[in-house]
Amino acid sequence: MKKRAKKAGNPDVGFQIAPMIDVVFVILIFFMALAAQIKIEQILQTKLPGVAVASANTEFVDEQIITIDDLGEVFLNDEVYDSVTSSDLPQLTATLIRLKQSSEAAKSKLVVTIMSHPDSAYYRTIHVLNSLAVSGISNVTFSCEEGG
């Protein structure tokens, strides 16, 4: 018996399409099987998140802190609201109304603490109290820093 001589180098086998077709069929079968398990969103009857109403009163007290600095700037939880010259405080009032609605929906008690700087103008505290009255918040406490 004669031994065949081996050819040197790698022979060019060309582009193999059969393995590619096999992979495409496997992927097609995977997506067809997966598509049968997907439910249409309308069938699920889901609702978008919103304000949830609690069934019973919660003992959690929601305390918000309004700070008035010596220049008359009003802060709600360290965030500045309205300008110093604004007397009706529309941004603060709108935020307080939303806080009141959220606390009523959660059936929790909303308490607002007003911390006024000793050098702040008295009328600025009155503006904040008017804003609280418009929003319907009645649980208000006061705190004052000692003057130096």
N, C-alpha and C. Protein backbone atom coordinates (compact mmCIF):
# COMPACT_ATOMS: atom_id res chain seq x y z
N MET A 1 0.81 -1.18 0.00
CA MET A 1 0.00 0.00 0.00
C MET A 1 0.85 1.24 0.00
N LYS A 2 0.34 2.13 -0.78
CA LYS A 2 1.04 3.39 -0.88
C LYS A 2 0.46 4.39 0.08
N LYS A 3 1.33 5.18 0.61
CA LYS A 3 0.87 6.26 1.47
C LYS A 3 0.67 7.50 0.62
N ARG A 4 -0.40 8.16 0.91
CA ARG A 4 -0.66 9.39 0.18
C ARG A 4 0.17 10.52 0.74
N ALA A 5 0.59 11.35 -0.10
CA ALA A 5 1.37 12.50 0.33
C ALA A 5 0.44 13.59 0.83
N LYS A 6 0.80 14.14 1.96
CA LYS A 6 -0.01 15.22 2.54
C LYS A 6 0.32 16.51 1.83
N LYS A 7 -0.76 17.29 1.58
CA LYS A 7 -0.56 18.59 0.97
C LYS A 7 -0.13 19.58 2.04
N ALA A 8 0.72 20.45 1.71
CA ALA A 8 1.20 21.46 2.64
C ALA A 8 0.20 22.61 2.68
N GLY A 9 -0.02 23.21 3.89
CA GLY A 9 -0.90 24.37 4.03
C GLY A 9 -2.35 23.96 4.25
N ASN A 10 -3.17 24.95 4.49
CA ASN A 10 -4.60 24.73 4.71
C ASN A 10 -5.34 24.92 3.39
N PRO A 11 -6.13 23.95 3.04
CA PRO A 11 -6.91 24.13 1.81
C PRO A 11 -8.07 25.08 2.06
N ASP A 12 -8.47 25.86 1.09
CA ASP A 12 -9.58 26.80 1.20
C ASP A 12 -10.88 26.04 0.97
N VAL A 13 -11.68 25.93 2.04
CA VAL A 13 -12.92 25.17 1.93
C VAL A 13 -14.06 26.07 1.49
N GLY A 14 -13.89 27.39 1.48
CA GLY A 14 -14.94 28.30 1.04
C GLY A 14 -15.89 28.67 2.18
N PHE A 15 -16.90 29.41 1.84
CA PHE A 15 -17.89 29.89 2.82
C PHE A 15 -18.89 28.78 3.09
N GLN A 16 -19.02 28.40 4.38
CA GLN A 16 -19.93 27.33 4.77
C GLN A 16 -21.27 27.94 5.20
N ILE A 17 -22.32 27.72 4.43
CA ILE A 17 -23.62 28.30 4.72
C ILE A 17 -24.50 27.37 5.54
N ALA A 18 -24.26 26.10 5.53
CA ALA A 18 -25.10 25.13 6.25
C ALA A 18 -25.10 25.39 7.76
N PRO A 19 -23.96 25.64 8.42
CA PRO A 19 -23.99 25.92 9.86
C PRO A 19 -24.75 27.22 10.17
N MET A 20 -24.65 28.21 9.28
CA MET A 20 -25.34 29.47 9.49
C MET A 20 -26.86 29.27 9.41
N ILE A 21 -27.31 28.46 8.48
CA ILE A 21 -28.75 28.18 8.36
C ILE A 21 -29.24 27.44 9.60
N ASP A 22 -28.44 26.52 10.13
CA ASP A 22 -28.81 25.80 11.36
C ASP A 22 -28.99 26.77 12.53
N VAL A 23 -28.09 27.70 12.67
CA VAL A 23 -28.17 28.68 13.76
C VAL A 23 -29.41 29.56 13.60
N VAL A 24 -29.71 29.98 12.37
CA VAL A 24 -30.88 30.82 12.13
C VAL A 24 -32.15 30.05 12.47
N PHE A 25 -32.23 28.79 12.14
CA PHE A 25 -33.41 28.00 12.48
C PHE A 25 -33.55 27.82 13.99
N VAL A 26 -32.47 27.63 14.70
CA VAL A 26 -32.53 27.49 16.16
C VAL A 26 -33.03 28.79 16.79
N ILE A 27 -32.54 29.92 16.32
CA ILE A 27 -32.99 31.21 16.84
C ILE A 27 -34.46 31.43 16.51
N LEU A 28 -34.88 31.07 15.31
CA LEU A 28 -36.27 31.21 14.91
C LEU A 28 -37.19 30.37 15.80
N ILE A 29 -36.80 29.15 16.09
CA ILE A 29 -37.60 28.29 16.97
C ILE A 29 -37.67 28.87 18.38
N PHE A 30 -36.55 29.43 18.86
CA PHE A 30 -36.53 30.03 20.19
C PHE A 30 -37.53 31.19 20.28
N PHE A 31 -37.51 32.09 19.30
CA PHE A 31 -38.42 33.24 19.33
C PHE A 31 -39.88 32.82 19.12
N MET A 32 -40.12 31.78 18.35
CA MET A 32 -41.49 31.31 18.17
C MET A 32 -42.03 30.72 19.47
N ALA A 33 -41.20 30.00 20.19
CA ALA A 33 -41.63 29.43 21.47
C ALA A 33 -41.84 30.52 22.51
N LEU A 34 -41.00 31.53 22.48
CA LEU A 34 -41.10 32.64 23.43
C LEU A 34 -42.33 33.50 23.14
N ALA A 35 -42.66 33.70 21.88
CA ALA A 35 -43.79 34.55 21.51
C ALA A 35 -45.12 33.97 21.99
N ALA A 36 -45.22 32.68 22.14
CA ALA A 36 -46.46 32.06 22.60
C ALA A 36 -46.72 32.36 24.07
N GLN A 37 -45.68 32.70 24.84
CA GLN A 37 -45.83 32.94 26.26
C GLN A 37 -46.07 34.41 26.59
N ILE A 38 -45.89 35.31 25.67
CA ILE A 38 -46.06 36.74 25.93
C ILE A 38 -47.54 37.08 25.90
N LYS A 39 -47.99 37.76 26.97
CA LYS A 39 -49.39 38.17 27.04
C LYS A 39 -49.51 39.61 26.57
N ILE A 40 -50.61 39.92 26.00
CA ILE A 40 -50.86 41.28 25.55
C ILE A 40 -51.11 42.15 26.78
N GLU A 41 -50.59 43.38 26.76
CA GLU A 41 -50.67 44.26 27.92
C GLU A 41 -52.10 44.56 28.33
N GLN A 42 -53.01 44.63 27.40
CA GLN A 42 -54.40 44.94 27.75
C GLN A 42 -55.05 43.81 28.52
N ILE A 43 -54.60 42.59 28.33
CA ILE A 43 -55.18 41.46 29.03
C ILE A 43 -54.77 41.49 30.51
N LEU A 44 -53.62 42.05 30.82
CA LEU A 44 -53.11 42.02 32.18
C LEU A 44 -53.87 42.93 33.14
N GLN A 45 -54.60 43.94 32.64
CA GLN A 45 -55.38 44.86 33.46
C GLN A 45 -54.53 45.54 34.52
N THR A 46 -53.39 46.09 34.13
CA THR A 46 -52.52 46.77 35.07
C THR A 46 -52.88 48.25 35.14
N LYS A 47 -52.60 48.86 36.27
CA LYS A 47 -52.82 50.28 36.47
C LYS A 47 -51.49 50.94 36.76
N LEU A 48 -51.33 52.15 36.28
CA LEU A 48 -50.12 52.90 36.54
C LEU A 48 -50.09 53.33 38.00
N PRO A 49 -48.89 53.48 38.57
CA PRO A 49 -48.82 53.90 39.98
C PRO A 49 -49.35 55.31 40.15
N GLY A 50 -49.98 55.54 41.27
CA GLY A 50 -50.53 56.85 41.58
C GLY A 50 -50.58 57.01 43.09
N VAL A 51 -51.47 57.83 43.55
CA VAL A 51 -51.63 58.03 44.98
C VAL A 51 -52.48 56.89 45.52
N ALA A 52 -51.91 56.13 46.42
CA ALA A 52 -52.62 55.01 47.02
C ALA A 52 -53.26 55.48 48.32
N VAL A 53 -54.50 55.12 48.53
CA VAL A 53 -55.21 55.49 49.74
C VAL A 53 -55.08 54.35 50.74
N ALA A 54 -54.62 54.70 51.95
CA ALA A 54 -54.46 53.70 53.00
C ALA A 54 -55.81 53.41 53.63
N SER A 55 -55.98 52.19 54.12
CA SER A 55 -57.26 51.80 54.70
C SER A 55 -57.41 52.23 56.16
N ALA A 56 -56.30 52.39 56.87
CA ALA A 56 -56.37 52.77 58.28
C ALA A 56 -55.38 53.89 58.55
N ASN A 57 -55.59 54.58 59.67
CA ASN A 57 -54.68 55.65 60.05
C ASN A 57 -53.30 55.10 60.34
N THR A 58 -52.30 55.85 59.95
CA THR A 58 -50.93 55.46 60.18
C THR A 58 -50.37 56.33 61.30
N GLU A 59 -49.59 55.73 62.16
CA GLU A 59 -49.01 56.48 63.27
C GLU A 59 -47.82 57.32 62.83
N PHE A 60 -47.43 57.19 61.58
CA PHE A 60 -46.30 57.94 61.06
C PHE A 60 -46.64 59.42 60.97
N VAL A 61 -45.77 60.26 61.51
CA VAL A 61 -45.97 61.70 61.46
C VAL A 61 -45.04 62.26 60.40
N ASP A 62 -45.61 62.96 59.45
CA ASP A 62 -44.85 63.56 58.36
C ASP A 62 -44.52 64.99 58.75
N GLU A 63 -43.27 65.24 59.13
CA GLU A 63 -42.87 66.58 59.55
C GLU A 63 -42.10 67.26 58.43
N GLN A 64 -42.55 68.44 58.09
CA GLN A 64 -41.89 69.26 57.09
C GLN A 64 -41.34 70.50 57.82
N ILE A 65 -40.15 70.91 57.45
CA ILE A 65 -39.52 72.05 58.13
C ILE A 65 -39.40 73.21 57.15
N ILE A 66 -40.01 74.32 57.52
CA ILE A 66 -39.90 75.56 56.74
C ILE A 66 -38.95 76.48 57.50
N THR A 67 -37.91 76.91 56.81
CA THR A 67 -36.91 77.78 57.41
C THR A 67 -36.96 79.15 56.74
N ILE A 68 -36.93 80.19 57.54
CA ILE A 68 -36.87 81.56 57.03
C ILE A 68 -35.56 82.15 57.50
N ASP A 69 -34.68 82.50 56.55
CA ASP A 69 -33.39 83.05 56.95
C ASP A 69 -33.47 84.55 57.19
N ASP A 70 -32.34 85.15 57.56
CA ASP A 70 -32.32 86.56 57.93
C ASP A 70 -32.61 87.49 56.74
N LEU A 71 -32.42 87.01 55.51
CA LEU A 71 -32.70 87.82 54.32
C LEU A 71 -34.14 87.69 53.85
N GLY A 72 -34.89 86.75 54.43
CA GLY A 72 -36.28 86.55 54.05
C GLY A 72 -36.49 85.42 53.05
N GLU A 73 -35.45 84.66 52.76
CA GLU A 73 -35.60 83.51 51.86
C GLU A 73 -36.33 82.39 52.61
N VAL A 74 -37.24 81.73 51.90
CA VAL A 74 -38.04 80.67 52.50
C VAL A 74 -37.55 79.32 51.95
N PHE A 75 -37.24 78.41 52.86
CA PHE A 75 -36.77 77.07 52.52
C PHE A 75 -37.76 76.05 53.04
N LEU A 76 -38.09 75.07 52.22
CA LEU A 76 -38.88 73.93 52.67
C LEU A 76 -37.98 72.72 52.55
N ASN A 77 -37.60 72.15 53.70
CA ASN A 77 -36.66 71.02 53.75
C ASN A 77 -35.38 71.34 52.98
N ASP A 78 -34.82 72.49 53.24
CA ASP A 78 -33.55 72.96 52.67
C ASP A 78 -33.60 73.24 51.17
N GLU A 79 -34.77 73.43 50.61
CA GLU A 79 -34.92 73.80 49.20
C GLU A 79 -35.60 75.17 49.12
N VAL A 80 -35.00 76.08 48.37
CA VAL A 80 -35.50 77.46 48.29
C VAL A 80 -36.79 77.51 47.48
N TYR A 81 -37.77 78.26 48.00
CA TYR A 81 -39.04 78.45 47.31
C TYR A 81 -39.31 79.94 47.16
N ASP A 82 -39.73 80.32 45.97
CA ASP A 82 -40.14 81.69 45.63
C ASP A 82 -39.01 82.69 45.88
N SER A 83 -39.27 83.93 45.47
CA SER A 83 -38.28 84.99 45.63
C SER A 83 -38.52 85.70 46.95
N VAL A 84 -37.55 86.49 47.34
CA VAL A 84 -37.63 87.22 48.60
C VAL A 84 -38.73 88.26 48.55
N THR A 85 -39.02 88.79 47.37
CA THR A 85 -40.03 89.85 47.23
C THR A 85 -41.45 89.31 47.09
N SER A 86 -41.61 88.01 46.90
CA SER A 86 -42.93 87.42 46.70
C SER A 86 -43.67 87.35 48.03
N SER A 87 -44.87 87.91 48.08
CA SER A 87 -45.64 87.88 49.32
C SER A 87 -46.66 86.75 49.35
N ASP A 88 -47.10 86.26 48.19
CA ASP A 88 -48.10 85.19 48.19
C ASP A 88 -47.47 83.79 48.12
N LEU A 89 -46.19 83.69 47.85
CA LEU A 89 -45.44 82.42 47.83
C LEU A 89 -46.15 81.31 47.05
N PRO A 90 -46.33 81.47 45.73
CA PRO A 90 -47.10 80.48 44.95
C PRO A 90 -46.45 79.10 44.87
N GLN A 91 -45.13 79.04 44.75
CA GLN A 91 -44.45 77.74 44.67
C GLN A 91 -44.58 76.99 45.99
N LEU A 92 -44.38 77.69 47.10
CA LEU A 92 -44.50 77.06 48.40
C LEU A 92 -45.93 76.59 48.65
N THR A 93 -46.90 77.42 48.29
CA THR A 93 -48.31 77.06 48.49
C THR A 93 -48.67 75.81 47.69
N ALA A 94 -48.25 75.75 46.43
CA ALA A 94 -48.55 74.58 45.59
C ALA A 94 -47.92 73.32 46.16
N THR A 95 -46.69 73.43 46.64
CA THR A 95 -46.02 72.27 47.23
C THR A 95 -46.70 71.83 48.52
N LEU A 96 -47.12 72.79 49.33
CA LEU A 96 -47.81 72.44 50.57
C LEU A 96 -49.16 71.79 50.31
N ILE A 97 -49.86 72.22 49.26
CA ILE A 97 -51.13 71.59 48.90
C ILE A 97 -50.91 70.14 48.51
N ARG A 98 -49.85 69.88 47.72
CA ARG A 98 -49.53 68.50 47.33
C ARG A 98 -49.15 67.65 48.55
N LEU A 99 -48.39 68.24 49.48
CA LEU A 99 -48.03 67.52 50.70
C LEU A 99 -49.26 67.18 51.53
N LYS A 100 -50.19 68.12 51.61
CA LYS A 100 -51.43 67.90 52.37
C LYS A 100 -52.25 66.76 51.73
N GLN A 101 -52.35 66.77 50.39
CA GLN A 101 -53.09 65.71 49.70
C GLN A 101 -52.43 64.35 49.89
N SER A 102 -51.11 64.32 49.85
CA SER A 102 -50.39 63.05 50.04
C SER A 102 -50.57 62.52 51.46
N SER A 103 -50.53 63.41 52.44
CA SER A 103 -50.69 62.95 53.82
C SER A 103 -52.12 62.48 54.08
N GLU A 104 -53.11 63.13 53.46
CA GLU A 104 -54.50 62.68 53.60
C GLU A 104 -54.71 61.33 52.94
N ALA A 105 -54.09 61.11 51.79
CA ALA A 105 -54.21 59.82 51.10
C ALA A 105 -53.54 58.72 51.90
N ALA A 106 -52.43 59.04 52.55
CA ALA A 106 -51.72 58.04 53.36
C ALA A 106 -52.27 57.95 54.77
N LYS A 107 -53.23 58.83 55.09
CA LYS A 107 -53.85 58.90 56.42
C LYS A 107 -52.79 59.04 57.51
N SER A 108 -51.83 59.93 57.24
CA SER A 108 -50.80 60.23 58.22
C SER A 108 -50.94 61.69 58.63
N LYS A 109 -50.37 62.03 59.74
CA LYS A 109 -50.47 63.37 60.29
C LYS A 109 -49.35 64.23 59.72
N LEU A 110 -49.72 65.39 59.16
CA LEU A 110 -48.74 66.32 58.59
C LEU A 110 -48.50 67.43 59.60
N VAL A 111 -47.24 67.59 59.99
CA VAL A 111 -46.84 68.63 60.92
C VAL A 111 -45.80 69.50 60.24
N VAL A 112 -46.00 70.81 60.30
CA VAL A 112 -45.05 71.75 59.72
C VAL A 112 -44.41 72.54 60.85
N THR A 113 -43.09 72.58 60.85
CA THR A 113 -42.34 73.36 61.83
C THR A 113 -41.73 74.56 61.11
N ILE A 114 -42.01 75.74 61.63
CA ILE A 114 -41.45 76.97 61.06
C ILE A 114 -40.27 77.39 61.93
N MET A 115 -39.09 77.42 61.31
CA MET A 115 -37.88 77.87 61.99
C MET A 115 -37.50 79.22 61.42
N SER A 116 -37.70 80.25 62.20
CA SER A 116 -37.46 81.60 61.73
C SER A 116 -36.19 82.15 62.35
N HIS A 117 -35.36 82.76 61.53
CA HIS A 117 -34.13 83.40 62.02
C HIS A 117 -34.53 84.61 62.86
N PRO A 118 -33.81 84.89 63.95
CA PRO A 118 -34.18 86.03 64.80
C PRO A 118 -34.15 87.38 64.07
N ASP A 119 -33.34 87.50 63.03
CA ASP A 119 -33.24 88.77 62.31
C ASP A 119 -34.17 88.85 61.10
N SER A 120 -34.98 87.81 60.87
CA SER A 120 -35.89 87.85 59.72
C SER A 120 -37.07 88.76 60.02
N ALA A 121 -37.64 89.30 58.96
CA ALA A 121 -38.77 90.21 59.12
C ALA A 121 -40.01 89.42 59.56
N TYR A 122 -40.79 90.04 60.45
CA TYR A 122 -41.98 89.38 60.99
C TYR A 122 -43.01 89.10 59.89
N TYR A 123 -43.12 90.02 58.92
CA TYR A 123 -44.12 89.83 57.85
C TYR A 123 -43.82 88.60 57.00
N ARG A 124 -42.54 88.18 56.96
CA ARG A 124 -42.21 86.98 56.17
C ARG A 124 -42.82 85.73 56.81
N THR A 125 -42.83 85.68 58.12
CA THR A 125 -43.47 84.57 58.82
C THR A 125 -44.98 84.60 58.57
N ILE A 126 -45.57 85.79 58.50
CA ILE A 126 -47.00 85.93 58.19
C ILE A 126 -47.29 85.41 56.80
N HIS A 127 -46.40 85.69 55.82
CA HIS A 127 -46.58 85.18 54.46
C HIS A 127 -46.59 83.64 54.46
N VAL A 128 -45.68 83.04 55.22
CA VAL A 128 -45.62 81.58 55.30
C VAL A 128 -46.89 81.04 55.97
N LEU A 129 -47.37 81.70 57.02
CA LEU A 129 -48.60 81.27 57.68
C LEU A 129 -49.80 81.38 56.74
N ASN A 130 -49.84 82.43 55.92
CA ASN A 130 -50.92 82.57 54.94
C ASN A 130 -50.87 81.42 53.93
N SER A 131 -49.67 81.05 53.51
CA SER A 131 -49.50 79.94 52.57
C SER A 131 -49.97 78.62 53.20
N LEU A 132 -49.68 78.43 54.48
CA LEU A 132 -50.14 77.24 55.19
C LEU A 132 -51.66 77.24 55.31
N ALA A 133 -52.26 78.40 55.54
CA ALA A 133 -53.71 78.49 55.66
C ALA A 133 -54.40 78.18 54.34
N VAL A 134 -53.84 78.66 53.23
CA VAL A 134 -54.41 78.38 51.91
C VAL A 134 -54.34 76.89 51.60
N SER A 135 -53.26 76.25 52.02
CA SER A 135 -53.11 74.82 51.74
C SER A 135 -53.89 73.94 52.71
N GLY A 136 -54.45 74.51 53.78
CA GLY A 136 -55.28 73.75 54.70
C GLY A 136 -54.50 73.00 55.77
N ILE A 137 -53.27 73.39 56.01
CA ILE A 137 -52.45 72.73 57.03
C ILE A 137 -52.64 73.48 58.35
N SER A 138 -53.06 72.75 59.38
CA SER A 138 -53.32 73.40 60.66
C SER A 138 -52.36 72.98 61.77
N ASN A 139 -51.62 71.89 61.57
CA ASN A 139 -50.65 71.45 62.58
C ASN A 139 -49.33 72.15 62.35
N VAL A 140 -49.16 73.30 63.01
CA VAL A 140 -47.97 74.13 62.81
C VAL A 140 -47.29 74.36 64.14
N THR A 141 -46.00 74.18 64.17
CA THR A 141 -45.22 74.50 65.36
C THR A 141 -44.15 75.52 64.98
N PHE A 142 -43.63 76.21 65.98
CA PHE A 142 -42.62 77.24 65.74
C PHE A 142 -41.36 76.90 66.50
N SER A 143 -40.25 77.27 65.89
CA SER A 143 -38.96 77.13 66.53
C SER A 143 -38.13 78.34 66.14
N CYS A 144 -37.36 78.85 67.06
CA CYS A 144 -36.58 80.05 66.76
C CYS A 144 -35.17 79.85 67.27
N GLU A 145 -34.21 80.27 66.46
CA GLU A 145 -32.81 80.23 66.89
C GLU A 145 -32.58 81.39 67.86
N GLU A 146 -31.69 81.19 68.79
CA GLU A 146 -31.39 82.27 69.71
C GLU A 146 -30.52 83.30 69.02
N GLY A 147 -30.82 84.56 69.24
CA GLY A 147 -30.04 85.65 68.64
C GLY A 147 -28.70 85.76 69.31
N GLY A 148 -27.71 86.22 68.56
CA GLY A 148 -26.36 86.27 69.10
C GLY A 148 -25.89 87.58 69.41
